[in-house]
Amino acid sequence: MSESEAPPARGPNGRWQPGRSANPKGRAPGDPYRRATALRAELVEHAPEIVQVVYQAALSGDLRAAQLVLERCLPAIKAVDLPIAALTLPGSTLADRAGAILDAVLGGTLTPDTGGQLLQALAQLVQIRDADQLETRLAARKPAPGPTMRPTDVEARIARLRPCIGHGRVECWCSAKARTSRVL
């Protein structure tokens, strides 16, 4: 086939035909980033002098150079929660324990972030206890005469107690079937 008889490189929709290339010779051999590699090598060679010039400019009052030195040499300080000592929560009920966490936050013993994390952990504990109680009740329940409950039905009921990721409810309207919702 001659050049004139070759199929067109692009189809009617403007896309390249299979087996055809926009660059039939391919990529040129060698390092495609040779300029950048050479520039990096030169920068490494002259880095101490460059840093000294920027440092001197910052000392002489150049605010942009001072900003550059401060941003690169002294990173921003980030807030860090310190580990807390063993925290004992007085009270026998979960509500008493949640109140103790809030009192510790208000008293300055705990940071608000740590207090929020502890309250979320306490809420998850409530959901785990609810699921355990349901599982115990379903296991102890005597099957009624007639069709028996399969293990998959028990697992499905327990799975429905898992909280909705978006709303934090045990049973949520966004699940497959619309059910009543109960906020913890």
C-alpha atoms as a PDB file:
ATOM      1  CA  MET A   1       0.000   0.000   0.000  1.00  0.00           C
ATOM      2  CA  SER A   2       1.293   3.462  -0.812  1.00  0.00           C
ATOM      3  CA  GLU A   3       1.022   6.626   1.305  1.00  0.00           C
ATOM      4  CA  SER A   4      -2.155   7.670  -0.440  1.00  0.00           C
ATOM      5  CA  GLU A   5      -3.803   4.301   0.177  1.00  0.00           C
ATOM      6  CA  ALA A   6      -2.944   4.157   3.904  1.00  0.00           C
ATOM      7  CA  PRO A   7      -5.917   4.394   6.222  1.00  0.00           C
ATOM      8  CA  PRO A   8      -6.389   7.793   7.856  1.00  0.00           C
ATOM      9  CA  ALA A   9      -4.609   8.291  11.174  1.00  0.00           C
ATOM     10  CA  ARG A  10      -7.725   9.673  12.834  1.00  0.00           C
ATOM     11  CA  GLY A  11     -11.260   8.381  12.675  1.00  0.00           C
ATOM     12  CA  PRO A  12     -14.389  10.377  11.928  1.00  0.00           C
ATOM     13  CA  ASN A  13     -14.742  11.247  15.627  1.00  0.00           C
ATOM     14  CA  GLY A  14     -11.224  12.766  15.698  1.00  0.00           C
ATOM     15  CA  ARG A  15      -9.637  10.019  17.807  1.00  0.00           C
ATOM     16  CA  TRP A  16      -6.546   8.118  16.773  1.00  0.00           C
ATOM     17  CA  GLN A  17      -7.200   4.827  15.027  1.00  0.00           C
ATOM     18  CA  PRO A  18      -5.934   1.664  16.746  1.00  0.00           C
ATOM     19  CA  GLY A  19      -2.349   0.954  15.740  1.00  0.00           C
ATOM     20  CA  ARG A  20      -1.695   4.538  14.593  1.00  0.00           C
ATOM     21  CA  SER A  21       0.449   6.976  16.547  1.00  0.00           C
ATOM     22  CA  ALA A  22       0.714  10.734  16.670  1.00  0.00           C
ATOM     23  CA  ASN A  23       4.476  10.303  16.933  1.00  0.00           C
ATOM     24  CA  PRO A  24       5.471   7.390  14.701  1.00  0.00           C
ATOM     25  CA  LYS A  25       9.216   7.832  15.397  1.00  0.00           C
ATOM     26  CA  GLY A  26       8.635   7.470  19.137  1.00  0.00           C
ATOM     27  CA  ARG A  27      10.316   9.283  21.996  1.00  0.00           C
ATOM     28  CA  ALA A  28      13.834  10.521  21.406  1.00  0.00           C
ATOM     29  CA  PRO A  29      16.478   8.433  23.191  1.00  0.00           C
ATOM     30  CA  GLY A  30      18.145   9.795  26.323  1.00  0.00           C
ATOM     31  CA  ASP A  31      17.013  11.519  29.478  1.00  0.00           C
ATOM     32  CA  PRO A  32      13.889  13.606  28.788  1.00  0.00           C
ATOM     33  CA  TYR A  33      14.702  15.697  31.866  1.00  0.00           C
ATOM     34  CA  ARG A  34      18.349  16.368  31.051  1.00  0.00           C
ATOM     35  CA  ARG A  35      17.959  20.132  31.462  1.00  0.00           C
ATOM     36  CA  ALA A  36      16.338  19.734  34.865  1.00  0.00           C
ATOM     37  CA  THR A  37      18.985  17.196  35.899  1.00  0.00           C
ATOM     38  CA  ALA A  38      21.781  19.560  34.873  1.00  0.00           C
ATOM     39  CA  LEU A  39      20.119  22.468  36.706  1.00  0.00           C
ATOM     40  CA  ARG A  40      19.740  20.381  39.884  1.00  0.00           C
ATOM     41  CA  ALA A  41      23.402  19.403  39.748  1.00  0.00           C
ATOM     42  CA  GLU A  42      24.404  23.054  39.391  1.00  0.00           C
ATOM     43  CA  LEU A  43      22.104  24.096  42.252  1.00  0.00           C
ATOM     44  CA  VAL A  44      23.572  21.434  44.526  1.00  0.00           C
ATOM     45  CA  GLU A  45      27.054  22.683  43.687  1.00  0.00           C
ATOM     46  CA  HIS A  46      26.167  26.316  44.479  1.00  0.00           C
ATOM     47  CA  ALA A  47      23.604  25.719  47.246  1.00  0.00           C
ATOM     48  CA  PRO A  48      25.676  27.079  50.159  1.00  0.00           C
ATOM     49  CA  GLU A  49      26.303  30.373  48.336  1.00  0.00           C
ATOM     50  CA  ILE A  50      22.618  30.712  47.361  1.00  0.00           C
ATOM     51  CA  VAL A  51      21.491  30.103  50.938  1.00  0.00           C
ATOM     52  CA  GLN A  52      24.025  32.648  52.214  1.00  0.00           C
ATOM     53  CA  VAL A  53      22.807  35.315  49.750  1.00  0.00           C
ATOM     54  CA  VAL A  54      19.157  34.767  50.730  1.00  0.00           C
ATOM     55  CA  TYR A  55      20.114  34.817  54.418  1.00  0.00           C
ATOM     56  CA  GLN A  56      22.031  38.074  54.038  1.00  0.00           C
ATOM     57  CA  ALA A  57      19.112  39.613  52.120  1.00  0.00           C
ATOM     58  CA  ALA A  58      16.760  38.604  54.938  1.00  0.00           C
ATOM     59  CA  LEU A  59      19.092  40.174  57.514  1.00  0.00           C
ATOM     60  CA  SER A  60      19.286  43.394  55.503  1.00  0.00           C
ATOM     61  CA  GLY A  61      15.489  43.774  55.576  1.00  0.00           C
ATOM     62  CA  ASP A  62      14.180  41.991  52.470  1.00  0.00           C
ATOM     63  CA  LEU A  63      10.824  40.720  53.728  1.00  0.00           C
ATOM     64  CA  ARG A  64      10.360  38.195  50.930  1.00  0.00           C
ATOM     65  CA  ALA A  65      13.773  36.668  51.682  1.00  0.00           C
ATOM     66  CA  ALA A  66      12.941  36.640  55.401  1.00  0.00           C
ATOM     67  CA  GLN A  67       9.649  34.887  54.672  1.00  0.00           C
ATOM     68  CA  LEU A  68      11.451  32.329  52.523  1.00  0.00           C
ATOM     69  CA  VAL A  69      14.028  31.640  55.231  1.00  0.00           C
ATOM     70  CA  LEU A  70      11.388  31.316  57.945  1.00  0.00           C
ATOM     71  CA  GLU A  71       9.094  29.054  55.886  1.00  0.00           C
ATOM     72  CA  ARG A  72      11.908  26.707  54.880  1.00  0.00           C
ATOM     73  CA  CYS A  73      13.931  26.655  58.081  1.00  0.00           C
ATOM     74  CA  LEU A  74      11.251  26.945  60.770  1.00  0.00           C
ATOM     75  CA  PRO A  75       8.124  25.021  59.806  1.00  0.00           C
ATOM     76  CA  ALA A  76       4.799  26.076  61.267  1.00  0.00           C
ATOM     77  CA  ILE A  77       4.072  24.726  64.714  1.00  0.00           C
ATOM     78  CA  LYS A  78       1.178  22.294  64.736  1.00  0.00           C
ATOM     79  CA  ALA A  79      -1.054  21.618  67.702  1.00  0.00           C
ATOM     80  CA  VAL A  80      -0.419  18.218  69.236  1.00  0.00           C
ATOM     81  CA  ASP A  81      -2.565  16.468  71.812  1.00  0.00           C
ATOM     82  CA  LEU A  82      -0.447  15.221  74.645  1.00  0.00           C
ATOM     83  CA  PRO A  83      -1.067  11.716  75.946  1.00  0.00           C
ATOM     84  CA  ILE A  84      -3.305  11.693  78.972  1.00  0.00           C
ATOM     85  CA  ALA A  85      -2.645   9.723  82.117  1.00  0.00           C
ATOM     86  CA  ALA A  86      -4.963   6.885  83.009  1.00  0.00           C
ATOM     87  CA  LEU A  87      -8.353   8.536  83.165  1.00  0.00           C
ATOM     88  CA  THR A  88     -10.851   7.111  85.590  1.00  0.00           C
ATOM     89  CA  LEU A  89     -14.432   8.023  84.916  1.00  0.00           C
ATOM     90  CA  PRO A  90     -16.584   8.047  88.035  1.00  0.00           C
ATOM     91  CA  GLY A  91     -20.149   6.896  87.863  1.00  0.00           C
ATOM     92  CA  SER A  92     -21.819   3.641  87.049  1.00  0.00           C
ATOM     93  CA  THR A  93     -23.916   4.738  84.074  1.00  0.00           C
ATOM     94  CA  LEU A  94     -22.713   5.811  80.671  1.00  0.00           C
ATOM     95  CA  ALA A  95     -24.410   9.191  81.143  1.00  0.00           C
ATOM     96  CA  ASP A  96     -22.385   9.762  84.336  1.00  0.00           C
ATOM     97  CA  ARG A  97     -19.185   8.899  82.469  1.00  0.00           C
ATOM     98  CA  ALA A  98     -20.064  11.270  79.609  1.00  0.00           C
ATOM     99  CA  GLY A  99     -20.732  13.983  82.196  1.00  0.00           C
ATOM    100  CA  ALA A 100     -17.319  13.316  83.779  1.00  0.00           C
ATOM    101  CA  ILE A 101     -15.659  13.731  80.368  1.00  0.00           C
ATOM    102  CA  LEU A 102     -17.457  17.045  79.818  1.00  0.00           C
ATOM    103  CA  ASP A 103     -16.466  18.222  83.310  1.00  0.00           C
ATOM    104  CA  ALA A 104     -12.823  17.359  82.547  1.00  0.00           C
ATOM    105  CA  VAL A 105     -12.996  19.371  79.305  1.00  0.00           C
ATOM    106  CA  LEU A 106     -14.618  22.335  81.058  1.00  0.00           C
ATOM    107  CA  GLY A 107     -12.099  22.102  83.896  1.00  0.00           C
ATOM    108  CA  GLY A 108      -9.155  22.181  81.502  1.00  0.00           C
ATOM    109  CA  THR A 109      -7.935  18.663  82.305  1.00  0.00           C
ATOM    110  CA  LEU A 110      -8.737  17.452  78.776  1.00  0.00           C
ATOM    111  CA  THR A 111      -8.523  19.287  75.477  1.00  0.00           C
ATOM    112  CA  PRO A 112     -11.808  19.660  73.570  1.00  0.00           C
ATOM    113  CA  ASP A 113     -10.492  17.380  70.794  1.00  0.00           C
ATOM    114  CA  THR A 114      -9.592  14.633  73.263  1.00  0.00           C
ATOM    115  CA  GLY A 115     -12.920  15.024  75.043  1.00  0.00           C
ATOM    116  CA  GLY A 116     -14.777  14.732  71.727  1.00  0.00           C
ATOM    117  CA  GLN A 117     -12.839  11.593  70.815  1.00  0.00           C
ATOM    118  CA  LEU A 118     -13.625  10.044  74.207  1.00  0.00           C
ATOM    119  CA  LEU A 119     -17.326  10.863  73.807  1.00  0.00           C
ATOM    120  CA  GLN A 120     -17.333   9.259  70.344  1.00  0.00           C
ATOM    121  CA  ALA A 121     -15.652   6.159  71.787  1.00  0.00           C
ATOM    122  CA  LEU A 122     -18.286   6.060  74.532  1.00  0.00           C
ATOM    123  CA  ALA A 123     -21.076   6.278  71.922  1.00  0.00           C
ATOM    124  CA  GLN A 124     -19.512   3.413  69.973  1.00  0.00           C
ATOM    125  CA  LEU A 125     -19.334   1.409  73.199  1.00  0.00           C
ATOM    126  CA  VAL A 126     -23.092   1.912  73.603  1.00  0.00           C
ATOM    127  CA  GLN A 127     -23.694   0.588  70.086  1.00  0.00           C
ATOM    128  CA  ILE A 128     -21.461  -2.440  70.708  1.00  0.00           C
ATOM    129  CA  ARG A 129     -23.310  -3.215  73.945  1.00  0.00           C
ATOM    130  CA  ASP A 130     -26.666  -2.915  72.164  1.00  0.00           C
ATOM    131  CA  ALA A 131     -25.513  -5.349  69.479  1.00  0.00           C
ATOM    132  CA  ASP A 132     -24.211  -7.789  72.099  1.00  0.00           C
ATOM    133  CA  GLN A 133     -27.482  -7.658  74.020  1.00  0.00           C
ATOM    134  CA  LEU A 134     -29.484  -8.248  70.858  1.00  0.00           C
ATOM    135  CA  GLU A 135     -27.271 -11.154  69.875  1.00  0.00           C
ATOM    136  CA  THR A 136     -27.661 -12.687  73.348  1.00  0.00           C
ATOM    137  CA  ARG A 137     -31.445 -12.271  73.274  1.00  0.00           C
ATOM    138  CA  LEU A 138     -31.715 -13.745  69.784  1.00  0.00           C
ATOM    139  CA  ALA A 139     -29.518 -16.704  70.719  1.00  0.00           C
ATOM    140  CA  ALA A 140     -31.518 -17.400  73.902  1.00  0.00           C
ATOM    141  CA  ARG A 141     -34.854 -17.056  72.188  1.00  0.00           C
ATOM    142  CA  LYS A 142     -36.664 -20.315  71.574  1.00  0.00           C
ATOM    143  CA  PRO A 143     -37.791 -20.630  67.995  1.00  0.00           C
ATOM    144  CA  ALA A 144     -41.536 -20.480  67.495  1.00  0.00           C
ATOM    145  CA  PRO A 145     -43.195 -23.497  65.959  1.00  0.00           C
ATOM    146  CA  GLY A 146     -43.170 -23.250  62.235  1.00  0.00           C
ATOM    147  CA  PRO A 147     -40.405 -21.957  60.008  1.00  0.00           C
ATOM    148  CA  THR A 148     -37.181 -21.583  61.946  1.00  0.00           C
ATOM    149  CA  MET A 149     -34.924 -18.584  61.874  1.00  0.00           C
ATOM    150  CA  ARG A 150     -31.836 -19.136  59.774  1.00  0.00           C
ATOM    151  CA  PRO A 151     -28.425 -17.864  60.966  1.00  0.00           C
ATOM    152  CA  THR A 152     -28.387 -15.455  58.059  1.00  0.00           C
ATOM    153  CA  ASP A 153     -31.522 -13.774  59.457  1.00  0.00           C
ATOM    154  CA  VAL A 154     -29.789 -13.264  62.809  1.00  0.00           C
ATOM    155  CA  GLU A 155     -26.743 -11.806  61.067  1.00  0.00           C
ATOM    156  CA  ALA A 156     -28.978  -9.490  59.023  1.00  0.00           C
ATOM    157  CA  ARG A 157     -30.676  -8.198  62.178  1.00  0.00           C
ATOM    158  CA  ILE A 158     -27.325  -7.572  63.857  1.00  0.00           C
ATOM    159  CA  ALA A 159     -26.002  -5.867  60.718  1.00  0.00           C
ATOM    160  CA  ARG A 160     -28.956  -3.466  60.822  1.00  0.00           C
ATOM    161  CA  LEU A 161     -27.712  -2.242  64.207  1.00  0.00           C
ATOM    162  CA  ARG A 162     -24.488  -0.947  62.711  1.00  0.00           C
ATOM    163  CA  PRO A 163     -24.595   2.841  62.606  1.00  0.00           C
ATOM    164  CA  CYS A 164     -25.053   4.726  59.394  1.00  0.00           C
ATOM    165  CA  ILE A 165     -21.745   6.318  58.388  1.00  0.00           C
ATOM    166  CA  GLY A 166     -23.352   9.539  57.267  1.00  0.00           C
ATOM    167  CA  HIS A 167     -25.762  10.115  60.143  1.00  0.00           C
ATOM    168  CA  GLY A 168     -24.451   8.144  63.144  1.00  0.00           C
ATOM    169  CA  ARG A 169     -27.840   6.534  63.780  1.00  0.00           C
ATOM    170  CA  VAL A 170     -28.424   2.896  64.568  1.00  0.00           C
ATOM    171  CA  GLU A 171     -31.193   2.657  62.015  1.00  0.00           C
ATOM    172  CA  CYS A 172     -31.248   5.332  59.366  1.00  0.00           C
ATOM    173  CA  TRP A 173     -33.522   6.514  56.562  1.00  0.00           C
ATOM    174  CA  CYS A 174     -30.713   6.350  54.036  1.00  0.00           C
ATOM    175  CA  SER A 175     -30.466   2.551  54.289  1.00  0.00           C
ATOM    176  CA  ALA A 176     -32.038   0.256  51.712  1.00  0.00           C
ATOM    177  CA  LYS A 177     -35.417   0.121  53.459  1.00  0.00           C
ATOM    178  CA  ALA A 178     -36.956   3.095  55.192  1.00  0.00           C
ATOM    179  CA  ARG A 179     -37.147   2.181  58.884  1.00  0.00           C
ATOM    180  CA  THR A 180     -37.747   4.117  62.027  1.00  0.00           C
ATOM    181  CA  SER A 181     -34.690   5.955  63.246  1.00  0.00           C
ATOM    182  CA  ARG A 182     -33.333   6.106  66.743  1.00  0.00           C
ATOM    183  CA  VAL A 183     -30.597   8.604  67.515  1.00  0.00           C
ATOM    184  CA  LEU A 184     -28.118   7.579  70.193  1.00  0.00           C
END
